Protein backbone atom coordinates (compact mmCIF):
# COMPACT_ATOMS: atom_id res chain seq x y z
CA MET A 1 50.84 117.22 74.74
CA THR A 2 50.82 120.56 72.88
CA THR A 3 48.87 120.74 69.83
CA ASP A 4 48.55 125.02 70.04
CA PRO A 5 47.80 125.89 66.44
CA ALA A 6 50.28 128.31 66.40
CA VAL A 7 53.12 128.93 68.36
CA GLY A 8 53.01 125.50 70.21
CA PRO A 9 56.17 124.56 72.60
CA THR A 10 58.28 125.72 69.93
CA ALA A 11 57.72 129.86 70.03
CA PRO A 12 60.48 132.02 71.06
CA LEU A 13 59.86 134.41 73.52
CA ALA A 14 59.33 137.45 71.58
CA LEU A 15 56.20 136.27 70.69
CA SER A 16 54.57 135.73 73.28
CA GLY A 17 51.70 137.57 74.03
CA LEU A 18 52.22 139.95 70.40
CA LEU A 19 50.15 137.37 68.14
CA GLU A 20 47.02 135.34 69.16
CA PRO A 21 46.63 132.27 68.14
CA VAL A 22 43.72 131.38 65.64
CA ARG A 23 42.22 128.64 67.43
CA ARG A 24 39.65 125.83 65.12
CA ARG A 25 37.97 123.01 66.55
CA PRO A 26 39.62 121.02 69.37
CA THR A 27 40.94 117.62 68.85
CA ARG A 28 38.13 114.96 69.98
CA LEU A 29 38.61 111.39 71.66
CA GLY A 30 36.42 109.41 72.70
CA LEU A 31 36.90 106.66 75.69
CA VAL A 32 35.56 103.62 76.23
CA SER A 33 36.97 100.81 79.25
CA GLY A 34 35.78 97.41 79.53
CA GLY A 35 36.22 93.95 80.73
CA LEU A 36 34.23 90.26 80.80
CA GLY A 37 30.96 91.05 83.17
CA ALA A 38 31.33 87.14 83.86
CA TYR A 39 33.86 87.77 85.93
CA TRP A 40 32.52 90.28 88.41
CA PRO A 41 30.12 87.88 90.58
CA GLN A 42 33.25 85.06 90.32
CA PHE A 43 35.73 87.55 92.04
CA PRO A 44 34.43 90.77 93.61
CA ASP A 45 37.42 92.59 94.51
CA LEU A 46 37.97 92.81 90.54
CA LEU A 47 35.91 94.83 89.02
CA PRO A 48 36.57 97.81 91.39
CA GLN A 49 40.28 97.58 90.57
CA LEU A 50 39.61 97.45 87.14
CA GLN A 51 37.30 100.81 87.58
CA GLU A 52 40.37 101.99 89.55
CA SER A 53 42.48 101.64 86.49
CA ALA A 54 39.97 103.26 84.02
CA ARG A 55 39.94 106.27 86.22
CA TYR A 56 43.80 107.05 85.87
CA VAL A 57 43.36 106.61 82.24
CA THR A 58 40.27 108.90 81.80
CA ALA A 59 42.40 111.12 84.33
CA ARG A 60 45.63 111.19 82.05
CA PHE A 61 43.77 111.57 79.01
CA GLY A 62 41.98 114.61 80.95
CA GLU A 63 45.22 116.44 80.99
CA LEU A 64 45.67 116.55 77.09
CA ASP A 65 44.32 119.34 74.93
CA ALA A 66 41.64 117.05 73.71
CA GLU A 67 38.50 117.27 74.55
CA VAL A 68 37.36 113.73 75.61
CA THR A 69 34.00 112.16 75.57
CA ASP A 70 34.39 108.88 78.31
CA VAL A 71 31.57 106.53 77.89
CA GLY A 72 32.36 104.86 81.05
CA PHE A 73 32.98 100.82 81.56
CA VAL A 74 31.14 98.08 79.41
CA SER A 75 30.58 94.77 80.66
CA ASP A 76 28.78 92.84 77.57
CA ALA A 77 28.31 93.21 74.26
CA ARG A 78 24.81 95.25 74.94
CA GLU A 79 26.16 98.29 76.71
CA ALA A 80 29.19 98.02 74.18
CA ALA A 81 26.63 98.46 71.57
CA LEU A 82 25.12 101.44 73.69
CA ALA A 83 28.86 103.12 74.38
CA ALA A 84 29.55 102.49 70.11
CA GLU A 85 25.89 104.16 69.76
CA GLN A 86 27.25 107.34 72.25
CA LEU A 87 30.43 107.81 70.64
CA ARG A 88 29.18 107.65 67.06
CA ARG A 89 27.18 110.97 67.99
CA ALA A 90 30.40 112.14 69.17
CA ASP A 91 32.00 112.64 66.07
CA CYS A 92 35.66 111.68 67.14
CA ASP A 93 38.73 111.96 65.77
CA LEU A 94 40.30 108.42 67.67
CA ILE A 95 38.54 105.98 69.98
CA VAL A 96 40.31 104.64 72.38
CA ILE A 97 39.11 101.23 73.80
CA PHE A 98 40.73 100.37 77.08
CA LEU A 99 41.15 96.40 77.80
CA THR A 100 41.20 95.96 81.56
CA THR A 101 40.75 92.13 81.09
CA TYR A 102 40.05 89.81 79.02
CA LEU A 103 36.85 91.17 77.03
CA THR A 104 35.31 89.10 73.98
CA SER A 105 35.92 90.89 70.25
CA SER A 106 32.25 91.33 70.30
CA MET A 107 32.11 94.01 72.26
CA VAL A 108 34.87 95.53 70.74
CA LEU A 109 33.85 95.24 67.26
CA PRO A 110 30.68 97.49 67.04
CA ILE A 111 32.52 100.49 68.58
CA ALA A 112 34.58 100.36 65.52
CA GLN A 113 31.78 99.30 63.34
CA ARG A 114 29.36 101.61 64.13
CA SER A 115 31.45 105.00 64.40
CA GLY A 116 33.70 104.81 61.37
CA THR A 117 36.28 106.34 63.42
CA PRO A 118 39.50 105.13 63.56
CA VAL A 119 40.61 103.21 67.04
CA LEU A 120 43.55 102.28 69.24
CA VAL A 121 43.61 99.76 71.66
CA ILE A 122 45.14 100.40 74.73
CA ASP A 123 46.26 97.42 77.26
CA LEU A 124 47.96 98.93 80.46
CA GLN A 125 48.30 96.23 83.13
CA PRO A 126 48.40 97.66 86.93
CA THR A 127 52.03 97.20 87.32
CA GLU A 128 55.06 96.07 85.44
CA ALA A 129 54.87 92.42 86.55
CA MET A 130 52.60 90.42 88.70
CA ASP A 131 53.40 89.02 92.33
CA HIS A 132 53.23 85.56 91.62
CA ALA A 133 53.67 84.25 94.99
CA ASN A 134 50.54 86.12 96.01
CA PHE A 135 48.63 86.01 93.30
CA ASP A 136 45.25 84.15 92.56
CA THR A 137 43.12 83.77 89.64
CA GLY A 138 41.41 86.71 90.33
CA LYS A 139 44.22 88.95 91.12
CA TRP A 140 46.10 87.73 87.99
CA LEU A 141 42.84 89.19 85.41
CA ALA A 142 43.36 92.39 86.49
CA TYR A 143 47.24 91.61 84.47
CA CYS A 144 45.17 89.90 81.26
CA GLY A 145 44.31 93.13 79.33
CA GLN A 146 46.58 91.91 76.72
CA CYS A 147 45.13 88.52 76.15
CA PRO A 148 42.39 89.52 73.91
CA VAL A 149 44.64 92.13 71.87
CA PRO A 150 45.12 89.16 69.03
CA GLU A 151 41.45 88.20 69.19
CA VAL A 152 40.97 91.84 68.48
CA ALA A 153 43.18 92.07 65.68
CA ASN A 154 42.24 89.08 64.28
CA VAL A 155 38.56 90.23 63.96
CA PHE A 156 39.55 93.70 62.97
CA ARG A 157 41.37 92.11 59.93
CA ARG A 158 38.75 89.98 58.70
CA ALA A 159 36.29 92.97 59.21
CA GLY A 160 38.84 94.79 57.12
CA ILE A 161 39.20 97.60 59.75
CA PRO A 162 42.62 98.75 60.44
CA PHE A 163 44.17 97.58 63.96
CA ARG A 164 46.11 99.66 66.29
CA SER A 165 47.26 99.17 69.82
CA VAL A 166 49.27 99.98 72.20
CA SER A 167 50.54 97.59 74.92
CA GLY A 168 52.16 98.31 78.41
CA HIS A 169 52.06 99.10 81.74
CA LEU A 170 49.89 101.72 83.53
CA LYS A 171 52.27 104.04 84.67
CA GLN A 172 54.67 103.23 81.61
CA GLU A 173 56.03 106.64 80.17
CA SER A 174 56.91 105.00 77.48
CA ALA A 175 53.35 103.64 76.44
CA TRP A 176 52.43 107.23 77.51
CA GLN A 177 54.25 108.15 74.98
CA ARG A 178 53.05 106.08 72.19
CA ILE A 179 49.86 107.19 73.09
CA ASP A 180 50.29 110.55 72.46
CA GLN A 181 51.35 110.06 69.13
CA TRP A 182 48.17 108.70 68.39
CA VAL A 183 46.48 111.66 69.72
CA HIS A 184 48.65 113.73 67.73
CA ALA A 185 47.36 111.64 64.73
CA ALA A 186 44.27 112.66 65.54
CA GLY A 187 44.81 116.08 65.90
CA VAL A 188 45.99 115.89 62.10
CA ARG A 189 43.01 113.77 61.14
CA GLY A 190 40.59 116.62 62.79
CA ARG A 191 41.89 119.54 61.71
CA LEU A 192 42.01 118.07 58.24
CA ARG A 193 38.63 116.82 58.28
CA HIS A 194 37.37 120.14 59.16
CA ALA A 195 40.14 122.17 57.03
CA ARG A 196 39.07 125.18 54.85
CA HIS A 197 41.93 125.50 52.20
CA GLY A 198 42.22 128.87 50.75
CA LEU A 199 43.72 128.99 47.02
CA MET A 200 44.33 132.19 45.37
CA GLY A 201 45.86 133.42 42.24
CA HIS A 202 47.50 130.99 39.70
CA VAL A 203 49.66 127.44 39.41
CA TYR A 204 53.49 128.91 39.17
CA PRO A 205 54.13 128.77 35.24
CA GLY A 206 55.55 125.38 34.31
CA MET A 207 55.70 123.52 37.87
CA LEU A 208 53.92 120.52 36.76
CA ASP A 209 54.56 118.95 40.47
CA VAL A 210 52.49 121.59 41.98
CA SER A 211 49.30 120.83 39.89
CA THR A 212 46.71 119.48 42.13
CA ASP A 213 43.27 117.75 41.78
CA LEU A 214 40.97 119.48 44.17
CA THR A 215 38.34 116.67 44.03
CA THR A 216 40.93 114.58 45.59
CA VAL A 217 41.50 116.90 48.70
CA SER A 218 38.40 116.68 49.75
CA THR A 219 37.74 112.72 48.85
CA THR A 220 41.09 112.30 50.78
CA PHE A 221 41.05 113.89 53.65
CA GLY A 222 37.75 115.75 54.26
CA SER A 223 38.85 119.04 53.86
CA HIS A 224 37.02 121.79 51.72
CA VAL A 225 39.26 123.81 49.15
CA GLU A 226 37.79 127.32 48.74
CA VAL A 227 38.89 129.14 45.81
CA VAL A 228 39.39 133.06 46.26
CA GLU A 229 40.54 135.60 43.85
CA PHE A 230 43.12 138.29 44.27
CA ASP A 231 40.30 140.62 43.59
CA ASP A 232 38.74 139.84 46.47
CA LEU A 233 42.14 140.60 48.86
CA ARG A 234 42.20 143.95 46.06
CA GLU A 235 39.09 145.00 47.97
CA PHE A 236 40.05 143.94 51.83
CA VAL A 237 43.33 146.07 51.22
CA GLY A 238 41.56 148.96 49.94
CA GLU A 239 39.59 149.42 53.11
CA VAL A 240 42.28 149.46 55.41
CA THR A 241 42.95 152.64 57.21
CA ASP A 242 46.27 154.33 57.88
CA GLU A 243 45.70 153.88 61.76
CA GLN A 244 45.72 150.09 60.85
CA VAL A 245 48.32 150.21 59.02
CA ARG A 246 50.61 152.40 61.64
CA GLU A 247 49.45 149.84 64.27
CA ARG A 248 50.52 146.59 61.96
CA VAL A 249 54.03 148.75 61.19
CA ALA A 250 54.16 148.94 65.00
CA LEU A 251 53.64 145.10 65.19
CA ALA A 252 56.07 144.21 62.59
CA ARG A 253 58.85 145.90 64.55
CA SER A 254 57.93 143.75 67.69
CA LEU A 255 58.36 140.44 65.98
CA PHE A 256 61.19 141.24 63.52
CA THR A 257 64.59 142.88 63.54
CA VAL A 258 63.86 145.29 60.15
CA ASP A 259 67.24 145.86 58.44
CA GLY A 260 67.95 148.89 57.15
CA SER A 261 67.33 147.98 53.43
CA VAL A 262 63.84 147.97 53.93
CA LEU A 263 62.15 151.31 52.69
CA ASP A 264 58.74 153.07 54.49
CA GLU A 265 57.22 152.88 51.57
CA ASP A 266 57.67 149.12 50.96
CA PHE A 267 57.17 148.45 54.80
CA ALA A 268 54.08 150.41 54.88
CA TRP A 269 52.50 148.39 51.78
CA GLY A 270 53.46 145.55 53.53
CA ALA A 271 51.65 146.07 56.55
CA LYS A 272 48.68 147.28 54.32
CA VAL A 273 48.47 143.97 52.49
CA SER A 274 49.31 141.90 55.96
CA VAL A 275 45.46 143.34 57.23
CA GLY A 276 43.72 142.96 54.61
CA LEU A 277 45.22 139.63 54.43
CA ASP A 278 43.66 138.55 58.13
CA ARG A 279 40.45 140.19 56.35
CA LEU A 280 40.44 137.65 53.48
CA VAL A 281 41.28 134.78 56.21
CA THR A 282 38.40 135.48 58.34
CA GLU A 283 35.34 136.03 56.03
CA PHE A 284 36.44 132.96 54.37
CA ASP A 285 37.09 131.38 57.75
CA LEU A 286 40.43 130.04 55.94
CA ASP A 287 42.31 127.50 57.99
CA SER A 288 45.62 127.68 55.31
CA LEU A 289 45.96 129.63 52.03
CA ALA A 290 48.59 128.92 48.96
CA TYR A 291 48.79 131.78 46.30
CA TYR A 292 50.73 132.86 43.48
CA HIS A 293 50.25 135.70 40.89
CA ARG A 294 52.86 136.75 38.29
CA GLY A 295 51.71 140.20 37.31
CA LEU A 296 52.84 142.70 34.66
CA ALA A 297 54.93 146.20 34.82
CA GLY A 298 53.95 146.89 38.70
CA GLU A 299 50.06 146.53 38.19
CA GLN A 300 47.97 146.23 41.59
CA HIS A 301 47.88 142.20 41.69
CA GLU A 302 51.53 141.92 40.91
CA ARG A 303 52.27 144.30 43.67
CA LEU A 304 49.17 142.42 45.91
CA GLY A 305 51.38 139.52 45.56
CA ALA A 306 54.88 140.79 46.06
CA GLY A 307 53.33 142.38 49.10
CA MET A 308 51.81 138.75 50.83
CA ILE A 309 55.56 138.20 52.95
CA LEU A 310 54.78 140.06 56.12
CA GLY A 311 51.41 139.30 56.45
CA ALA A 312 51.79 135.87 55.47
CA SER A 313 54.16 134.76 58.07
CA ILE A 314 52.04 136.69 60.82
CA LEU A 315 48.98 134.19 59.85
CA THR A 316 51.46 131.27 59.58
CA ALA A 317 52.72 132.06 63.06
CA ARG A 318 49.30 132.27 64.13
CA GLY A 319 48.22 128.81 63.11
CA VAL A 320 47.23 129.58 59.98
CA PRO A 321 49.66 128.18 57.55
CA MET A 322 50.64 130.30 53.96
CA ALA A 323 52.59 128.82 51.05
CA GLY A 324 53.43 130.53 48.00
CA GLU A 325 53.71 129.11 44.05
CA TYR A 326 50.41 127.73 44.68
CA GLU A 327 51.59 124.85 46.78
CA LEU A 328 48.27 123.59 47.93
CA ARG A 329 49.44 120.18 49.52
CA THR A 330 52.74 121.85 51.25
CA SER A 331 50.21 124.23 52.88
CA ILE A 332 48.17 121.23 54.17
CA ALA A 333 51.33 119.49 55.51
CA MET A 334 52.12 122.70 57.02
CA LEU A 335 48.72 122.46 58.74
CA ALA A 336 49.11 118.90 59.81
CA ALA A 337 52.47 119.59 61.43
CA GLN A 338 50.87 122.98 63.04
CA ALA A 339 48.43 120.64 64.45
CA MET A 340 51.27 118.63 66.07
CA GLY A 341 52.44 121.27 67.38
CA ALA A 342 55.47 120.92 65.27
CA GLY A 343 55.76 124.43 63.35
CA GLY A 344 56.09 123.59 59.72
CA SER A 345 57.83 126.42 57.54
CA PHE A 346 57.34 126.89 53.69
CA THR A 347 60.92 124.64 52.41
CA GLU A 348 62.75 124.12 49.70
CA ILE A 349 66.37 122.51 48.82
CA GLN A 350 68.51 125.72 48.12
CA ALA A 351 72.39 124.17 47.91
CA LEU A 352 74.55 121.30 49.47
CA ASN A 353 77.53 121.85 51.44
CA PHE A 354 79.96 119.00 50.91
CA PHE A 355 82.40 120.49 53.29
CA ASP A 356 79.73 120.19 56.42
CA ASN A 357 77.51 117.36 54.72
CA VAL A 358 74.57 119.53 55.28
CA VAL A 359 71.61 120.16 52.92
CA GLU A 360 70.56 124.21 53.05
CA MET A 361 67.36 124.39 52.59
CA GLY A 362 64.44 127.39 52.96
CA HIS A 363 62.36 129.44 50.78
CA ASP A 364 61.31 133.18 49.58
CA GLY A 365 58.28 134.25 51.15
CA PRO A 366 56.11 133.02 53.96
CA ALA A 367 57.76 131.87 56.85
CA HIS A 368 56.78 130.23 60.67
CA LEU A 369 57.95 132.60 62.76
CA ALA A 370 57.32 130.39 65.84
CA VAL A 371 59.87 128.17 64.68
CA SER A 372 63.00 131.23 64.44
CA ALA A 373 66.30 130.28 65.72
CA ALA A 374 66.45 134.11 66.68
CA GLU A 375 64.27 137.24 66.21
CA PRO A 376 63.21 137.11 62.84
CA LEU A 377 64.95 139.66 60.10
CA LEU A 378 62.54 141.69 57.97
CA ARG A 379 64.62 142.68 54.34
CA GLY A 380 64.15 145.08 51.74
CA LEU A 381 64.38 143.31 48.25
CA GLY A 382 64.08 145.03 44.76
CA VAL A 383 64.27 141.76 43.04
CA TYR A 384 62.27 138.51 43.90
CA HIS A 385 64.14 135.75 42.09
CA GLY A 386 62.28 134.28 39.39
CA LYS A 387 59.21 136.20 40.47
CA ARG A 388 57.70 139.86 39.48
CA GLY A 389 57.27 142.38 42.34
CA TRP A 390 59.44 143.89 45.11
CA GLY A 391 59.01 144.75 48.73
CA VAL A 392 59.73 143.16 52.05
CA SER A 393 61.08 139.65 52.80
CA VAL A 394 61.68 137.47 56.25
CA GLU A 395 64.86 135.91 56.30
CA PHE A 396 65.50 133.37 59.43
CA ASP A 397 66.97 130.03 60.46
CA VAL A 398 65.07 127.60 62.10
CA ARG A 399 66.00 126.63 65.55
CA HIS A 400 68.79 124.46 66.14
CA GLY A 401 68.55 120.94 66.94
CA PRO A 402 66.32 118.00 65.69
CA VAL A 403 63.95 118.97 62.65
CA THR A 404 61.80 116.89 60.40
CA THR A 405 60.49 117.43 56.75
CA PHE A 406 57.32 116.57 56.11
CA GLY A 407 55.87 116.82 52.48
CA VAL A 408 52.79 115.47 50.76
CA GLY A 409 53.65 113.64 47.76
CA GLN A 410 51.48 112.35 45.21
CA ASP A 411 51.37 109.29 42.94
CA PRO A 412 50.56 107.74 39.48
CA ASP A 413 46.87 107.19 40.67
CA GLY A 414 46.72 110.48 42.19
CA SER A 415 46.79 109.02 45.75
CA TYR A 416 48.37 110.91 48.47
CA VAL A 417 51.37 109.95 50.51
CA PHE A 418 52.90 111.86 53.46
CA ILE A 419 57.01 111.71 53.10
CA THR A 420 59.37 112.25 56.07
CA SER A 421 63.28 112.50 56.58
CA GLU A 422 64.72 113.42 60.34
CA GLY A 423 67.79 115.91 60.65
CA THR A 424 69.48 118.21 62.64
CA VAL A 425 69.63 121.94 62.16
CA VAL A 426 73.32 122.81 63.10
CA PRO A 427 74.83 126.19 63.10
CA GLY A 428 77.36 127.66 59.79
CA PRO A 429 76.79 130.31 57.15
CA LEU A 430 74.05 131.26 56.00
CA LEU A 431 72.79 133.51 53.05
CA ALA A 432 71.29 137.44 53.79
CA ILE A 433 69.30 137.17 50.60
CA GLY A 434 65.81 137.56 52.24
CA ASN A 435 65.08 134.20 52.44
CA THR A 436 64.51 131.15 55.55
CA THR A 437 67.70 129.11 55.21
CA SER A 438 68.74 126.32 57.67
CA ARG A 439 71.47 124.24 57.43
CA VAL A 440 70.01 120.42 57.48
CA ASP A 441 72.04 117.13 58.82
CA PHE A 442 70.50 113.78 57.90
CA GLY A 443 73.39 111.95 59.05
CA GLY A 444 74.99 111.20 55.59
CA ASP A 445 76.23 112.50 52.10
CA PRO A 446 73.87 115.37 50.84
CA GLY A 447 73.47 114.79 47.37
CA LEU A 448 72.60 110.95 48.34
CA TRP A 449 69.50 112.59 50.66
CA VAL A 450 68.56 114.54 47.60
CA ASP A 451 68.62 111.53 45.34
CA GLU A 452 66.82 109.49 48.12
CA TRP A 453 63.96 112.08 48.75
CA SER A 454 63.10 112.59 45.11
CA GLN A 455 62.48 108.83 44.89
CA THR A 456 59.84 109.15 47.28
CA GLY A 457 57.45 111.00 45.24
CA ILE A 458 57.64 114.39 46.88
CA GLY A 459 56.99 117.88 45.42
CA HIS A 460 58.90 120.82 44.81
CA HIS A 461 58.27 121.77 48.65
CA TRP A 462 57.49 120.70 51.80
CA ALA A 463 56.96 121.67 55.51
CA LEU A 464 60.18 121.84 57.94
CA CYS A 465 59.33 121.33 61.30
CA VAL A 466 60.55 121.34 64.74
CA GLY A 467 61.41 118.05 66.39
CA HIS A 468 61.97 114.47 64.86
CA ARG A 469 58.10 113.63 64.46
CA ALA A 470 58.03 110.82 61.17
CA ALA A 471 56.56 108.28 64.31
CA ASP A 472 53.74 111.16 64.37
CA VAL A 473 52.99 111.52 60.62
CA LYS A 474 53.12 107.73 60.47
CA ALA A 475 50.70 107.57 62.58
CA ALA A 476 48.93 110.77 61.12
CA ALA A 477 48.85 108.80 58.02
CA SER A 478 47.01 105.78 59.16
CA LEU A 479 44.40 107.52 60.54
CA LEU A 480 43.72 109.26 57.13
CA GLY A 481 44.18 106.10 54.91
CA VAL A 482 47.25 107.38 53.46
CA GLU A 483 50.86 105.79 52.54
CA HIS A 484 53.94 106.55 54.89
CA ARG A 485 57.27 106.82 53.31
CA HIS A 486 60.60 107.68 55.05
CA VAL A 487 64.20 108.59 54.07
CA SER A 488 67.16 107.48 56.18
CA LEU A 489 70.07 107.61 55.30
């Protein structure tokens, strides 16, 4: 599993060593294994075998990009209660309970109740099947981890606790892939629970869908929303030195192909704003930022807003997602995608191609450099469509292959919804206007896809993620207690 907050498994080699990832609190997993202690004196060889299986599971979890609290093996309700207390103190994002054989639900319930943390039950028998001709009762019991799963599920339901499980055998990679999905989801839960989302400027005038109740972000995800000002950025940009500007221009030339349309003055301004934006993120300890400022007649705040694209794209590639047009819910989706190692670039619908059956999607403004199909282009623009200002903008195509659109929608009661659709980025003609653009094939009529996608409660924007990640997003929605909706043609 890769949950690198910045480049993950999808980064072009050109980014390697150039951008230092911004690292945050690691995903925290709790692990406890158990079985019914009444069996141990009856079948002396059973416990050592089960403990060996538990060591294998512990080792597999130790290979993950996560901080694992393993509280060991429990054999009765008293030991389970002590384990529950240890796991409560560990502040885990997900607790995994390994049922090695039958155990009573009274050994499992306290772990879920006292921690207040989502639980995943796994039952992995030693091999694909028993050797029936040579097995006695003791050997059979090592294969009996599935036996208590319905019992535990029933008790969880009666206790109002969501139940999740993965059943399989110990070295079954497909089972471990399902476990990995829950670990990815735990990474999303952990990242959002502790996230500090920056919000700077004001809503794009007239975009009613973008308006977000900040309190519901905290009550739903546990995140904090820090309202910052363009005046804060102005002060930080004012302190940037000429040497820092030269260094940032040199970094940008290493990251981008610089088009001849880029004016030196605009390039230097974008670099200066980029350095100031880094300072803003550091001073306010931000995990994401959504921003917009209209401005007037080239005044300083208008110039700051127009100069954001270079720095915002660099920060997004480092693991601090940036979304334009004040799109807080999309910056949340982008951060969740980062936690899954799926990138997540700021995106909207641009056009449909009915010859090739693709939806063309992308955006002007901040882009996720780490998911670019090739070295991204820096283009100079005299006009930002629908916005005031001018400067440099980023142009690229998300790498070809499987992708997922992932956005955060909102229902009439104010509740949030995770929304996904899976497609494939395919090659073909693209606009050269300083925007990110990708041709996404969703497996059918692109007009039908737009209709189905728009029915879900999605807003104007979303994150375009690398890989088919709907299952990961669905698992994250489960851990966060929000609904998941998926569009498939």
